[in-house]
C-alpha atoms as a PDB file:
ATOM      1  CA  MET A   1    -138.497 -19.619   9.528  1.00  0.00           C
ATOM      2  CA  GLU A   2    -137.701 -16.301  11.213  1.00  0.00           C
ATOM      3  CA  SER A   3    -141.218 -15.043  10.428  1.00  0.00           C
ATOM      4  CA  LEU A   4    -142.706 -17.937  12.422  1.00  0.00           C
ATOM      5  CA  LEU A   5    -140.649 -17.188  15.522  1.00  0.00           C
ATOM      6  CA  PRO A   6    -142.684 -14.145  16.684  1.00  0.00           C
ATOM      7  CA  PHE A   7    -145.921 -16.043  16.010  1.00  0.00           C
ATOM      8  CA  LEU A   8    -144.755 -19.001  18.116  1.00  0.00           C
ATOM      9  CA  PHE A   9    -143.601 -16.643  20.872  1.00  0.00           C
ATOM     10  CA  LEU A  10    -147.007 -14.898  20.919  1.00  0.00           C
ATOM     11  CA  MET A  11    -148.790 -18.228  20.960  1.00  0.00           C
ATOM     12  CA  LEU A  12    -146.732 -19.486  23.900  1.00  0.00           C
ATOM     13  CA  PHE A  13    -147.143 -16.135  25.695  1.00  0.00           C
ATOM     14  CA  HIS A  14    -150.927 -16.284  25.205  1.00  0.00           C
ATOM     15  CA  ARG A  15    -151.026 -19.848  26.523  1.00  0.00           C
ATOM     16  CA  ALA A  16    -148.954 -18.856  29.532  1.00  0.00           C
ATOM     17  CA  ARG A  17    -151.361 -15.991  30.278  1.00  0.00           C
ATOM     18  CA  THR A  18    -154.373 -18.307  30.185  1.00  0.00           C
ATOM     19  CA  CYS A  19    -152.833 -20.801  32.589  1.00  0.00           C
ATOM     20  CA  PRO A  20    -154.668 -20.457  35.903  1.00  0.00           C
ATOM     21  CA  THR A  21    -152.650 -19.342  38.900  1.00  0.00           C
ATOM     22  CA  PRO A  22    -151.035 -21.201  40.729  1.00  0.00           C
ATOM     23  CA  CYS A  23    -151.211 -24.155  38.316  1.00  0.00           C
ATOM     24  CA  THR A  24    -148.603 -25.068  35.729  1.00  0.00           C
ATOM     25  CA  CYS A  25    -149.464 -25.579  32.083  1.00  0.00           C
ATOM     26  CA  THR A  26    -147.728 -27.571  29.411  1.00  0.00           C
ATOM     27  CA  LEU A  27    -148.478 -26.931  25.766  1.00  0.00           C
ATOM     28  CA  LEU A  28    -149.034 -30.188  23.922  1.00  0.00           C
ATOM     29  CA  GLY A  29    -149.120 -30.863  20.187  1.00  0.00           C
ATOM     30  CA  THR A  30    -151.652 -28.702  18.377  1.00  0.00           C
ATOM     31  CA  GLY A  31    -152.298 -26.047  21.011  1.00  0.00           C
ATOM     32  CA  GLU A  32    -153.746 -28.497  23.502  1.00  0.00           C
ATOM     33  CA  LEU A  33    -152.987 -27.864  27.133  1.00  0.00           C
ATOM     34  CA  HIS A  34    -152.127 -30.029  30.135  1.00  0.00           C
ATOM     35  CA  VAL A  35    -153.043 -28.157  33.321  1.00  0.00           C
ATOM     36  CA  GLY A  36    -151.320 -29.356  36.484  1.00  0.00           C
ATOM     37  CA  CYS A  37    -152.922 -28.177  39.720  1.00  0.00           C
ATOM     38  CA  SER A  38    -151.860 -31.065  41.946  1.00  0.00           C
ATOM     39  CA  SER A  39    -150.874 -30.605  45.615  1.00  0.00           C
ATOM     40  CA  LEU A  40    -151.544 -26.867  45.715  1.00  0.00           C
ATOM     41  CA  GLY A  41    -154.023 -26.800  48.598  1.00  0.00           C
ATOM     42  CA  LEU A  42    -156.793 -25.570  46.300  1.00  0.00           C
ATOM     43  CA  HIS A  43    -160.261 -25.172  47.811  1.00  0.00           C
ATOM     44  CA  THR A  44    -161.893 -24.200  44.506  1.00  0.00           C
ATOM     45  CA  ILE A  45    -161.242 -25.085  40.905  1.00  0.00           C
ATOM     46  CA  PRO A  46    -159.651 -22.192  39.011  1.00  0.00           C
ATOM     47  CA  THR A  47    -161.006 -20.923  35.702  1.00  0.00           C
ATOM     48  CA  LEU A  48    -159.574 -23.286  33.119  1.00  0.00           C
ATOM     49  CA  PRO A  49    -158.640 -22.623  29.487  1.00  0.00           C
ATOM     50  CA  ASP A  50    -160.999 -24.107  26.890  1.00  0.00           C
ATOM     51  CA  SER A  51    -158.046 -25.890  25.264  1.00  0.00           C
ATOM     52  CA  THR A  52    -157.435 -28.060  28.357  1.00  0.00           C
ATOM     53  CA  VAL A  53    -157.159 -31.740  27.393  1.00  0.00           C
ATOM     54  CA  SER A  54    -155.578 -33.007  30.606  1.00  0.00           C
ATOM     55  CA  LEU A  55    -156.266 -31.746  34.121  1.00  0.00           C
ATOM     56  CA  ASN A  56    -154.665 -32.870  37.375  1.00  0.00           C
ATOM     57  CA  LEU A  57    -156.449 -31.735  40.553  1.00  0.00           C
ATOM     58  CA  GLN A  58    -155.205 -34.493  42.883  1.00  0.00           C
ATOM     59  CA  TYR A  59    -154.098 -33.927  46.481  1.00  0.00           C
ATOM     60  CA  ASN A  60    -155.886 -30.638  47.096  1.00  0.00           C
ATOM     61  CA  GLN A  61    -158.603 -29.562  49.518  1.00  0.00           C
ATOM     62  CA  LEU A  62    -161.475 -29.691  47.030  1.00  0.00           C
ATOM     63  CA  THR A  63    -164.803 -30.546  48.633  1.00  0.00           C
ATOM     64  CA  THR A  64    -167.128 -29.771  45.722  1.00  0.00           C
ATOM     65  CA  VAL A  65    -167.192 -28.582  42.118  1.00  0.00           C
ATOM     66  CA  ALA A  66    -169.249 -25.524  41.249  1.00  0.00           C
ATOM     67  CA  PRO A  67    -171.919 -26.257  38.620  1.00  0.00           C
ATOM     68  CA  GLY A  68    -170.591 -25.440  35.162  1.00  0.00           C
ATOM     69  CA  SER A  69    -166.899 -25.690  36.094  1.00  0.00           C
ATOM     70  CA  PHE A  70    -166.188 -28.397  33.514  1.00  0.00           C
ATOM     71  CA  ASP A  71    -168.877 -27.582  30.929  1.00  0.00           C
ATOM     72  CA  LYS A  72    -166.655 -25.602  28.559  1.00  0.00           C
ATOM     73  CA  LEU A  73    -163.874 -28.235  28.613  1.00  0.00           C
ATOM     74  CA  ARG A  74    -165.128 -30.038  25.519  1.00  0.00           C
ATOM     75  CA  ASN A  75    -161.675 -31.432  24.656  1.00  0.00           C
ATOM     76  CA  LEU A  76    -160.891 -32.805  28.107  1.00  0.00           C
ATOM     77  CA  ARG A  77    -159.619 -36.377  27.843  1.00  0.00           C
ATOM     78  CA  THR A  78    -157.917 -36.975  31.202  1.00  0.00           C
ATOM     79  CA  LEU A  79    -159.051 -35.780  34.619  1.00  0.00           C
ATOM     80  CA  GLN A  80    -157.440 -36.621  37.955  1.00  0.00           C
ATOM     81  CA  LEU A  81    -159.542 -35.811  41.027  1.00  0.00           C
ATOM     82  CA  SER A  82    -158.464 -38.335  43.659  1.00  0.00           C
ATOM     83  CA  HIS A  83    -157.211 -37.565  47.160  1.00  0.00           C
ATOM     84  CA  ASN A  84    -159.509 -34.624  47.844  1.00  0.00           C
ATOM     85  CA  PRO A  85    -161.901 -34.449  50.821  1.00  0.00           C
ATOM     86  CA  TRP A  86    -165.106 -34.544  48.739  1.00  0.00           C
ATOM     87  CA  VAL A  87    -168.256 -33.670  50.681  1.00  0.00           C
ATOM     88  CA  CYS A  88    -171.019 -35.771  49.152  1.00  0.00           C
ATOM     89  CA  ASP A  89    -174.067 -33.640  49.756  1.00  0.00           C
ATOM     90  CA  CYS A  90    -176.332 -31.707  47.395  1.00  0.00           C
ATOM     91  CA  ASP A  91    -173.394 -29.645  46.117  1.00  0.00           C
ATOM     92  CA  ILE A  92    -171.623 -32.727  44.706  1.00  0.00           C
ATOM     93  CA  VAL A  93    -174.513 -33.747  42.431  1.00  0.00           C
ATOM     94  CA  TYR A  94    -173.116 -31.659  39.522  1.00  0.00           C
ATOM     95  CA  LEU A  95    -169.785 -33.516  39.648  1.00  0.00           C
ATOM     96  CA  LYS A  96    -171.510 -36.900  39.944  1.00  0.00           C
ATOM     97  CA  HIS A  97    -173.681 -36.237  36.882  1.00  0.00           C
ATOM     98  CA  TRP A  98    -170.789 -34.712  34.937  1.00  0.00           C
ATOM     99  CA  LEU A  99    -168.621 -37.792  35.558  1.00  0.00           C
ATOM    100  CA  GLU A 100    -171.481 -40.072  34.492  1.00  0.00           C
ATOM    101  CA  ASP A 101    -172.279 -38.061  31.359  1.00  0.00           C
ATOM    102  CA  ASN A 102    -168.759 -37.416  30.067  1.00  0.00           C
ATOM    103  CA  LYS A 103    -166.579 -40.226  28.885  1.00  0.00           C
ATOM    104  CA  VAL A 104    -163.313 -38.845  30.185  1.00  0.00           C
ATOM    105  CA  ASN A 105    -160.382 -40.909  31.364  1.00  0.00           C
ATOM    106  CA  VAL A 106    -161.052 -40.609  35.091  1.00  0.00           C
ATOM    107  CA  MET A 107    -160.384 -43.199  37.723  1.00  0.00           C
ATOM    108  CA  VAL A 108    -163.897 -42.636  39.108  1.00  0.00           C
ATOM    109  CA  GLU A 109    -163.468 -45.264  41.807  1.00  0.00           C
ATOM    110  CA  GLU A 110    -160.688 -43.087  43.256  1.00  0.00           C
ATOM    111  CA  VAL A 111    -162.963 -40.030  43.551  1.00  0.00           C
ATOM    112  CA  LYS A 112    -164.290 -40.841  47.016  1.00  0.00           C
ATOM    113  CA  CYS A 113    -166.437 -39.111  49.581  1.00  0.00           C
ATOM    114  CA  ALA A 114    -164.868 -37.924  52.825  1.00  0.00           C
ATOM    115  CA  LYS A 115    -168.148 -36.692  54.352  1.00  0.00           C
ATOM    116  CA  PRO A 116    -170.888 -37.204  55.481  1.00  0.00           C
ATOM    117  CA  ALA A 117    -170.320 -40.373  57.486  1.00  0.00           C
ATOM    118  CA  HIS A 118    -172.841 -42.531  55.584  1.00  0.00           C
ATOM    119  CA  THR A 119    -170.958 -41.916  52.300  1.00  0.00           C
ATOM    120  CA  LYS A 120    -167.362 -41.870  53.585  1.00  0.00           C
ATOM    121  CA  GLY A 121    -164.982 -43.922  51.437  1.00  0.00           C
ATOM    122  CA  ARG A 122    -167.520 -44.522  48.657  1.00  0.00           C
ATOM    123  CA  ALA A 123    -166.956 -43.490  45.053  1.00  0.00           C
ATOM    124  CA  ILE A 124    -169.055 -40.467  44.089  1.00  0.00           C
ATOM    125  CA  THR A 125    -170.402 -42.221  40.995  1.00  0.00           C
ATOM    126  CA  GLN A 126    -171.690 -45.104  43.136  1.00  0.00           C
ATOM    127  CA  LEU A 127    -174.042 -42.883  45.127  1.00  0.00           C
ATOM    128  CA  HIS A 128    -177.765 -42.981  44.427  1.00  0.00           C
ATOM    129  CA  GLY A 129    -180.406 -40.268  44.529  1.00  0.00           C
ATOM    130  CA  ASN A 130    -181.795 -41.395  47.878  1.00  0.00           C
ATOM    131  CA  GLU A 131    -178.367 -40.754  49.436  1.00  0.00           C
ATOM    132  CA  PHE A 132    -178.832 -37.025  48.848  1.00  0.00           C
ATOM    133  CA  PRO A 133    -181.766 -36.356  51.168  1.00  0.00           C
ATOM    134  CA  GLY A 134    -183.102 -32.847  51.009  1.00  0.00           C
ATOM    135  CA  CYS A 135    -181.521 -32.001  47.654  1.00  0.00           C
ATOM    136  CA  ASN A 136    -184.885 -31.782  45.930  1.00  0.00           C
ATOM    137  CA  PRO A 137    -187.285 -31.167  48.777  1.00  0.00           C
ATOM    138  CA  SER A 138    -190.878 -31.465  47.782  1.00  0.00           C
ATOM    139  CA  ARG A 139    -192.345 -28.077  48.390  1.00  0.00           C
ATOM    140  CA  LYS A 140    -195.290 -28.114  50.712  1.00  0.00           C
ATOM    141  CA  LEU A 141    -197.876 -25.661  49.548  1.00  0.00           C
ATOM    142  CA  ASP A 142    -199.477 -23.453  52.145  1.00  0.00           C
ATOM    143  CA  CYS A 143    -203.026 -23.466  50.872  1.00  0.00           C
ATOM    144  CA  SER A 144    -204.571 -21.694  53.856  1.00  0.00           C
ATOM    145  CA  GLY A 145    -204.311 -18.307  52.144  1.00  0.00           C
ATOM    146  CA  TYR A 146    -205.819 -19.695  48.947  1.00  0.00           C
ATOM    147  CA  PHE A 147    -208.681 -21.311  50.861  1.00  0.00           C
ATOM    148  CA  GLN A 148    -209.500 -18.059  52.642  1.00  0.00           C
ATOM    149  CA  ARG A 149    -209.487 -16.132  49.343  1.00  0.00           C
ATOM    150  CA  PHE A 150    -211.655 -18.795  47.733  1.00  0.00           C
ATOM    151  CA  MET A 151    -214.191 -18.615  50.565  1.00  0.00           C
ATOM    152  CA  ILE A 152    -214.354 -14.815  50.351  1.00  0.00           C
ATOM    153  CA  LEU A 153    -214.807 -14.909  46.561  1.00  0.00           C
ATOM    154  CA  ALA A 154    -217.400 -17.681  46.834  1.00  0.00           C
ATOM    155  CA  GLY A 155    -219.288 -15.612  49.438  1.00  0.00           C
ATOM    156  CA  ILE A 156    -219.211 -12.542  47.199  1.00  0.00           C
ATOM    157  CA  ALA A 157    -220.412 -14.621  44.241  1.00  0.00           C
ATOM    158  CA  LEU A 158    -223.251 -16.099  46.318  1.00  0.00           C
ATOM    159  CA  LEU A 159    -224.306 -12.662  47.584  1.00  0.00           C
ATOM    160  CA  SER A 160    -224.187 -11.343  44.005  1.00  0.00           C
ATOM    161  CA  LEU A 161    -226.442 -14.180  42.843  1.00  0.00           C
ATOM    162  CA  LEU A 162    -228.877 -13.570  45.693  1.00  0.00           C
ATOM    163  CA  LEU A 163    -228.912  -9.836  44.943  1.00  0.00           C
ATOM    164  CA  MET A 164    -229.538 -10.513  41.243  1.00  0.00           C
ATOM    165  CA  ALA A 165    -232.333 -12.957  42.086  1.00  0.00           C
ATOM    166  CA  TRP A 166    -233.932 -10.424  44.453  1.00  0.00           C
ATOM    167  CA  LEU A 167    -233.618  -7.613  41.869  1.00  0.00           C
ATOM    168  CA  THR A 168    -235.144  -9.880  39.211  1.00  0.00           C
ATOM    169  CA  TRP A 169    -238.016 -10.756  41.547  1.00  0.00           C
ATOM    170  CA  CYS A 170    -238.546  -7.071  42.411  1.00  0.00           C
ATOM    171  CA  SER A 171    -238.542  -6.002  38.753  1.00  0.00           C
ATOM    172  CA  LYS A 172    -240.988  -8.758  37.786  1.00  0.00           C
ATOM    173  CA  ARG A 173    -243.213  -7.839  40.747  1.00  0.00           C
ATOM    174  CA  LEU A 174    -243.083  -4.182  39.746  1.00  0.00           C
ATOM    175  CA  LEU A 175    -243.923  -5.035  36.119  1.00  0.00           C
ATOM    176  CA  PHE A 176    -246.804  -7.209  37.327  1.00  0.00           C
ATOM    177  CA  LEU A 177    -248.165  -4.410  39.503  1.00  0.00           C
ATOM    178  CA  ILE A 178    -247.849  -1.879  36.674  1.00  0.00           C
ATOM    179  CA  ALA A 179    -249.531  -4.231  34.222  1.00  0.00           C
ATOM    180  CA  LYS A 180    -252.355  -4.945  36.674  1.00  0.00           C
ATOM    181  CA  LYS A 181    -253.074  -1.288  37.498  1.00  0.00           C
ATOM    182  CA  PRO A 182    -255.733   0.210  35.224  1.00  0.00           C
ATOM    183  CA  LEU A 183    -254.885   3.389  33.406  1.00  0.00           C
END
């Protein structure tokens, strides 16, 4: 039993070191972690341990989630995101898709937009693609440069053909004159 004590101490110390500041972490069962980051005034999501199974981010100042923030949390079972001033613009699309793709215990109807005005009070998962204007702008191609290059190349090709035709005519004419001239 005494030989397990240092191992348990090291394990708890390691878990404490991986707990993001200023959050609090509680070690559950088999090394799983509950990370509590509620009511801390957070503007960004801290780097979270891979062993996180429960995450509370309620009552902060979160407006968006950086792409990839939740991707490594493969064991996450509970996520609390309500009561944050979510800005539902192009930057929220990652969170919307992540919530739709991951079957995590989240009260998605409580994750509501604060801005812009046309989305205020609506659940993020209830937004549709057309409510994110400008997120995937269709790129307008400026073809004027290509057209000018094409016209120059076409002109050069046409001049080359005319030059080749003239040289062919001249060589045939010269051969005809040589063949016609008596020796």
